[in-house]
């Protein structure tokens, strides 16, 4: 199901209670890669009650079955009161998104960057910890190692954009250029993330016998970014 059709069906279900449907992420920035990317959608309901959210259960189930992420449900009030909690996400959505239905809640949004550094460090450390903790369970399974790298990288690219903003750099919409921007601030080898971008685009593939080595390079690169943010 395409995002426009999803939004159209949501409008039929919620009628006057539907404020907005917003497409964000790789599908909005032109770097959508089938098989590695999914459609990310934010739904704004005027009245955000469990009974209202439940109305779209069958539609959302089909949306997820098609390989997409769970849509995010917000009310207008929740958006306005969450700006200080989700500066990474809202910065990204504000800068690059598509309105599929209704009003644009991000058009006039003002985001205070003072909370951004803290969220960047928290997200980097928690996700890095998860990778380290997962490694023992899949260290002898190359396919799962490679899958974990490619799937988890999306979150790190989002955080890297936040790191650049904290450093006063406007992140490029191109992931490869963004990584090059990071190398001007941080002493780390960009090759790993360039390879990830190419792998997600289907331009290259890793051999099974190098999966563990690639995973180690991945962790090393992320750790370099963590140390940089910690010292800011």
Protein backbone atom coordinates (compact mmCIF):
# COMPACT_ATOMS: atom_id res chain seq x y z
CA UNK A 1 0.00 0.00 0.00
CA UNK A 2 1.32 3.43 -0.96
CA UNK A 3 1.34 6.25 1.64
CA UNK A 4 -1.23 8.34 -0.28
CA UNK A 5 -3.67 5.44 -0.32
CA UNK A 6 -3.04 4.84 3.39
CA UNK A 7 -3.82 8.50 4.12
CA UNK A 8 -6.93 8.36 1.96
CA UNK A 9 -8.28 5.37 3.87
CA UNK A 10 -7.44 7.00 7.21
CA UNK A 11 -9.50 10.01 6.15
CA UNK A 12 -12.43 7.72 5.45
CA UNK A 13 -12.14 6.10 8.87
CA UNK A 14 -11.60 9.19 11.03
CA UNK A 15 -13.45 11.85 9.02
CA UNK A 16 -13.49 15.14 10.96
CA UNK A 17 -11.27 13.77 13.74
CA UNK A 18 -8.26 13.47 11.41
CA UNK A 19 -6.04 16.55 11.64
CA UNK A 20 -2.98 15.48 9.62
CA UNK A 21 -1.13 12.58 8.02
CA UNK A 22 2.60 13.23 7.57
CA UNK A 23 5.14 11.16 5.64
CA UNK A 24 8.71 11.42 6.92
CA UNK A 25 11.99 9.49 6.80
CA UNK A 26 13.74 8.00 3.77
CA UNK A 27 10.61 8.13 1.59
CA UNK A 28 10.52 11.91 2.07
CA UNK A 29 14.24 12.53 1.55
CA UNK A 30 14.55 10.69 -1.76
CA UNK A 31 16.73 7.85 -0.39
CA UNK A 32 14.04 5.19 -0.13
CA UNK A 33 15.41 1.73 -0.96
CA UNK A 34 12.94 -1.10 -1.30
CA UNK A 35 13.87 -4.01 0.94
CA UNK A 36 15.81 -1.83 3.40
CA UNK A 37 13.53 1.19 3.81
CA UNK A 38 9.93 1.47 4.92
CA UNK A 39 7.33 4.21 4.95
CA UNK A 40 7.19 6.26 8.14
CA UNK A 41 3.91 8.01 8.86
CA UNK A 42 2.74 10.30 11.65
CA UNK A 43 -1.01 10.58 12.27
CA UNK A 44 -2.50 13.52 14.15
CA UNK A 45 -5.97 13.04 15.62
CA UNK A 46 -7.88 15.94 17.15
CA UNK A 47 -9.25 13.61 19.84
CA UNK A 48 -6.60 11.03 20.71
CA UNK A 49 -8.51 8.39 22.65
CA UNK A 50 -7.94 4.60 22.63
CA UNK A 51 -11.37 4.01 21.12
CA UNK A 52 -10.48 6.38 18.28
CA UNK A 53 -7.07 4.86 17.60
CA UNK A 54 -8.63 1.38 17.56
CA UNK A 55 -10.86 2.34 14.63
CA UNK A 56 -7.93 1.98 12.22
CA UNK A 57 -6.80 -1.39 13.60
CA UNK A 58 -7.42 -3.43 10.45
CA UNK A 59 -5.90 -0.79 8.18
CA UNK A 60 -2.81 -0.38 10.34
CA UNK A 61 -2.45 -4.15 10.50
CA UNK A 62 -2.38 -4.31 6.70
CA UNK A 63 0.06 -1.39 6.61
CA UNK A 64 2.47 -3.22 8.92
CA UNK A 65 2.00 -6.51 7.06
CA UNK A 66 3.23 -4.70 3.95
CA UNK A 67 6.55 -4.16 5.76
CA UNK A 68 6.07 -0.65 7.13
CA UNK A 69 6.71 0.73 10.59
CA UNK A 70 3.95 1.32 13.09
CA UNK A 71 2.50 4.78 12.45
CA UNK A 72 2.96 7.31 15.23
CA UNK A 73 -0.25 8.70 16.74
CA UNK A 74 -0.25 12.22 18.18
CA UNK A 75 -2.73 14.89 19.11
CA UNK A 76 -1.91 18.55 18.36
CA UNK A 77 -1.31 19.10 22.09
CA UNK A 78 1.04 16.12 22.33
CA UNK A 79 3.14 17.52 19.51
CA UNK A 80 3.43 20.96 21.09
CA UNK A 81 4.37 19.53 24.49
CA UNK A 82 6.86 16.97 23.13
CA UNK A 83 9.19 19.32 21.25
CA UNK A 84 11.71 19.40 24.10
CA UNK A 85 11.63 15.59 24.42
CA UNK A 86 12.09 14.62 20.76
CA UNK A 87 14.34 17.33 19.25
CA UNK A 88 16.20 14.86 16.98
CA UNK A 89 13.02 13.46 15.49
CA UNK A 90 11.17 16.77 15.21
CA UNK A 91 14.18 18.53 13.66
CA UNK A 92 14.30 15.84 10.96
CA UNK A 93 10.56 15.83 10.34
CA UNK A 94 10.37 19.63 10.27
CA UNK A 95 13.15 19.89 7.69
CA UNK A 96 11.94 17.14 5.39
CA UNK A 97 8.42 15.77 5.30
CA UNK A 98 5.37 15.54 3.07
CA UNK A 99 1.83 16.36 4.09
CA UNK A 100 -0.41 13.55 2.84
CA UNK A 101 -3.54 14.96 4.44
CA UNK A 102 -4.65 18.02 6.38
CA UNK A 103 -2.60 20.71 8.11
CA UNK A 104 1.17 20.87 8.55
CA UNK A 105 1.94 20.84 12.32
CA UNK A 106 5.64 21.38 11.64
CA UNK A 107 5.42 24.45 9.41
CA UNK A 108 5.78 27.00 12.22
CA UNK A 109 7.36 24.74 14.85
CA UNK A 110 10.19 26.34 16.84
CA UNK A 111 12.67 23.81 18.29
CA UNK A 112 15.04 24.70 21.12
CA UNK A 113 18.39 23.01 20.47
CA UNK A 114 19.45 22.96 24.13
CA UNK A 115 18.02 19.49 24.65
CA UNK A 116 19.51 18.14 21.45
CA UNK A 117 23.00 17.24 22.71
CA UNK A 118 21.61 15.33 25.68
CA UNK A 119 19.23 13.31 23.49
CA UNK A 120 22.00 12.57 20.97
CA UNK A 121 24.28 11.15 23.66
CA UNK A 122 21.48 9.19 25.32
CA UNK A 123 20.34 7.63 22.03
CA UNK A 124 23.89 6.83 20.90
CA UNK A 125 24.85 5.16 24.17
CA UNK A 126 21.63 3.18 24.56
CA UNK A 127 21.66 1.90 20.98
CA UNK A 128 25.37 1.08 21.15
CA UNK A 129 24.74 -0.86 24.37
CA UNK A 130 21.98 -2.81 22.64
CA UNK A 131 24.35 -3.75 19.80
CA UNK A 132 27.02 -4.95 22.22
CA UNK A 133 24.42 -6.93 24.19
CA UNK A 134 22.98 -8.54 21.05
CA UNK A 135 26.33 -9.60 19.62
CA UNK A 136 26.85 -12.79 21.71
CA UNK A 137 23.52 -14.21 20.51
CA UNK A 138 24.29 -13.83 16.78
CA UNK A 139 28.10 -13.73 16.56
CA UNK A 140 28.13 -17.03 14.64
CA UNK A 141 25.26 -16.07 12.32
CA UNK A 142 26.64 -13.82 9.53
CA UNK A 143 23.27 -13.11 7.91
CA UNK A 144 21.82 -11.83 11.16
CA UNK A 145 24.91 -9.72 11.84
CA UNK A 146 24.65 -8.05 8.43
CA UNK A 147 20.91 -7.57 8.84
CA UNK A 148 21.41 -5.96 12.25
CA UNK A 149 23.95 -3.52 10.82
CA UNK A 150 21.77 -2.42 7.91
CA UNK A 151 18.54 -2.23 9.91
CA UNK A 152 19.98 -0.40 12.92
CA UNK A 153 21.91 2.10 10.78
CA UNK A 154 18.77 4.14 10.03
CA UNK A 155 18.56 5.22 13.67
CA UNK A 156 22.21 6.20 13.75
CA UNK A 157 21.93 8.30 10.59
CA UNK A 158 19.11 10.23 12.29
CA UNK A 159 21.23 10.76 15.41
CA UNK A 160 24.22 11.85 13.31
CA UNK A 161 22.09 14.61 11.83
CA UNK A 162 21.38 15.75 15.37
CA UNK A 163 25.09 15.68 16.25
CA UNK A 164 25.87 17.91 13.28
CA UNK A 165 23.19 20.37 14.37
CA UNK A 166 24.63 20.49 17.88
CA UNK A 167 28.00 21.30 16.30
CA UNK A 168 26.42 24.13 14.33
CA UNK A 169 26.50 22.32 10.97
CA UNK A 170 23.42 22.04 8.76
CA UNK A 171 23.25 18.34 7.82
CA UNK A 172 23.06 17.44 4.15
CA UNK A 173 20.03 15.58 2.85
CA UNK A 174 22.45 13.11 1.27
CA UNK A 175 23.61 10.46 3.74
CA UNK A 176 27.01 10.16 2.06
CA UNK A 177 27.62 13.91 2.20
CA UNK A 178 26.43 13.94 5.81
CA UNK A 179 29.02 11.30 6.73
CA UNK A 180 31.67 13.42 5.03
CA UNK A 181 30.51 16.37 7.15
CA UNK A 182 31.03 14.25 10.27
CA UNK A 183 34.59 13.35 9.28
CA UNK A 184 35.46 17.06 9.40
CA UNK A 185 34.47 17.07 13.08
CA UNK A 186 35.32 13.55 14.25
CA UNK A 187 38.42 11.42 13.75
CA UNK A 188 36.86 8.25 12.34
CA UNK A 189 36.92 6.28 9.10
CA UNK A 190 33.75 7.00 7.06
CA UNK A 191 34.20 3.87 4.90
CA UNK A 192 31.95 1.70 7.08
CA UNK A 193 28.92 3.94 6.76
CA UNK A 194 29.51 4.56 3.07
CA UNK A 195 29.45 0.78 2.60
CA UNK A 196 26.22 0.57 4.60
CA UNK A 197 24.60 3.16 2.35
CA UNK A 198 25.68 1.25 -0.76
CA UNK A 199 24.53 -2.06 0.72
CA UNK A 200 21.10 -0.65 1.54
CA UNK A 201 20.88 0.65 -2.04
CA UNK A 202 21.75 -2.79 -3.42
CA UNK A 203 24.98 -1.52 -4.96
CA UNK A 204 27.20 -3.90 -3.03
CA UNK A 205 27.00 -6.90 -0.70
CA UNK A 206 29.19 -8.24 2.10
CA UNK A 207 30.56 -11.76 2.19
CA UNK A 208 29.50 -13.94 5.09
CA UNK A 209 33.09 -14.46 6.21
CA UNK A 210 33.57 -10.72 6.77
CA UNK A 211 30.35 -10.09 8.71
CA UNK A 212 31.94 -10.10 12.17
CA UNK A 213 34.74 -7.81 11.00
CA UNK A 214 32.19 -5.38 9.55
CA UNK A 215 30.23 -5.46 12.79
CA UNK A 216 33.39 -4.57 14.74
CA UNK A 217 34.10 -1.66 12.38
CA UNK A 218 30.51 -0.53 12.80
CA UNK A 219 30.77 -0.47 16.60
CA UNK A 220 34.15 1.31 16.47
CA UNK A 221 32.79 4.06 14.24
CA UNK A 222 29.74 4.63 16.46
CA UNK A 223 31.92 4.70 19.57
CA UNK A 224 34.00 7.49 18.00
CA UNK A 225 30.86 9.59 17.59
CA UNK A 226 29.84 8.87 21.20
CA UNK A 227 33.19 10.12 22.50
CA UNK A 228 32.89 13.28 20.42
CA UNK A 229 29.39 14.07 21.72
CA UNK A 230 30.49 13.33 25.29
CA UNK A 231 33.21 15.99 25.03
CA UNK A 232 31.00 18.68 23.51
